[in-house]
Amino acid sequence: MFLTINGKRHYRWRAVDQDGHILDILVHRRRDKKAAKTFFRKLLKGADLRARVIITDQLRSYGAAIREILPVWNTPTPVLEQPC
């Protein structure tokens, strides 16, 4: 989702669990690998449970961030791409 703050475009990153509850939200100026890594670090910092499946849109920065931040999860955790 795109937001306009002070005339500049920002992006909203959001994590939702299987019941539809919002786990975390991050508003960031960019939508790149660095922003994705920031989002995943922030999300996992307070996480008590491990994700079984990660569903994303088809943005490439998610995959790049997941490979760096969650290298152990690459094999057992499927990453599904939700069509836009």
Protein backbone atom coordinates (compact mmCIF):
# COMPACT_ATOMS: atom_id res chain seq x y z
CA MET A 1 0.00 0.00 0.00
CA PHE A 2 1.23 3.47 -0.83
CA LEU A 3 0.95 6.40 1.56
CA THR A 4 1.67 10.05 0.93
CA ILE A 5 3.35 11.81 3.84
CA ASN A 6 4.43 15.43 3.40
CA GLY A 7 4.02 15.04 -0.35
CA LYS A 8 6.37 12.03 -0.57
CA ARG A 9 5.39 8.46 -1.33
CA HIS A 10 5.95 5.88 1.40
CA TYR A 11 5.22 2.17 1.50
CA ARG A 12 3.42 0.25 4.20
CA TRP A 13 4.82 -3.17 5.07
CA ARG A 14 2.43 -5.38 7.01
CA ALA A 15 2.60 -8.87 8.55
CA VAL A 16 -0.62 -10.77 9.23
CA ASP A 17 -1.10 -14.16 10.90
CA GLN A 18 -3.37 -16.97 9.68
CA ASP A 19 -6.31 -15.55 11.62
CA GLY A 20 -5.99 -12.12 10.02
CA HIS A 21 -4.51 -10.37 13.06
CA ILE A 22 -1.91 -7.74 12.26
CA LEU A 23 1.46 -8.71 13.75
CA ASP A 24 3.48 -5.67 12.73
CA ILE A 25 3.44 -2.63 10.45
CA LEU A 26 6.34 -0.62 9.08
CA VAL A 27 6.11 2.56 7.00
CA HIS A 28 9.26 3.07 4.97
CA ARG A 29 10.36 5.44 2.22
CA ARG A 30 11.69 2.65 0.01
CA ARG A 31 10.56 -0.80 -1.03
CA ASP A 32 13.92 -2.50 -1.45
CA LYS A 33 16.03 -5.22 0.15
CA LYS A 34 17.19 -2.97 2.98
CA ALA A 35 13.60 -2.07 3.88
CA ALA A 36 12.58 -5.73 3.72
CA LYS A 37 15.44 -6.71 6.04
CA THR A 38 14.43 -3.96 8.47
CA PHE A 39 10.86 -5.21 8.43
CA PHE A 40 11.76 -8.87 8.99
CA ARG A 41 14.21 -8.02 11.79
CA LYS A 42 11.59 -5.89 13.51
CA LEU A 43 8.96 -8.59 13.05
CA LEU A 44 11.14 -11.43 14.33
CA LYS A 45 12.48 -9.43 17.28
CA GLY A 46 9.24 -9.87 19.21
CA ALA A 47 8.15 -13.19 17.69
CA ASP A 48 7.56 -16.09 20.04
CA LEU A 49 6.65 -18.58 17.35
CA ARG A 50 8.27 -19.71 14.13
CA ALA A 51 6.46 -19.25 10.84
CA ARG A 52 5.63 -22.39 8.88
CA VAL A 53 4.83 -20.55 5.66
CA ILE A 54 5.64 -17.03 4.45
CA ILE A 55 3.31 -15.67 1.80
CA THR A 56 4.43 -12.55 -0.05
CA ASP A 57 3.54 -10.57 -3.12
CA GLN A 58 5.97 -10.98 -6.00
CA LEU A 59 8.45 -8.36 -4.84
CA ARG A 60 12.03 -9.63 -5.23
CA SER A 61 13.32 -7.83 -2.15
CA TYR A 62 11.37 -10.22 0.10
CA GLY A 63 13.31 -13.22 -1.21
CA ALA A 64 16.64 -11.43 -0.92
CA ALA A 65 15.92 -10.38 2.66
CA ILE A 66 14.65 -13.83 3.66
CA ARG A 67 17.78 -15.49 2.28
CA GLU A 68 19.99 -13.20 4.39
CA ILE A 69 18.00 -12.97 7.60
CA LEU A 70 16.51 -16.44 7.71
CA PRO A 71 19.10 -18.68 6.01
CA VAL A 72 18.10 -21.69 8.11
CA TRP A 73 14.45 -21.27 7.17
CA ASN A 74 15.00 -21.35 3.41
CA THR A 75 14.56 -25.10 3.13
CA PRO A 76 11.86 -25.95 5.70
CA THR A 77 9.81 -22.76 5.29
CA PRO A 78 8.09 -22.44 1.95
CA VAL A 79 7.83 -18.92 0.59
CA LEU A 80 4.72 -18.56 -1.55
CA GLU A 81 4.15 -15.68 -3.91
CA GLN A 82 0.63 -14.35 -3.94
CA PRO A 83 -0.36 -13.00 -7.37
CA CYS A 84 -1.05 -9.27 -7.43
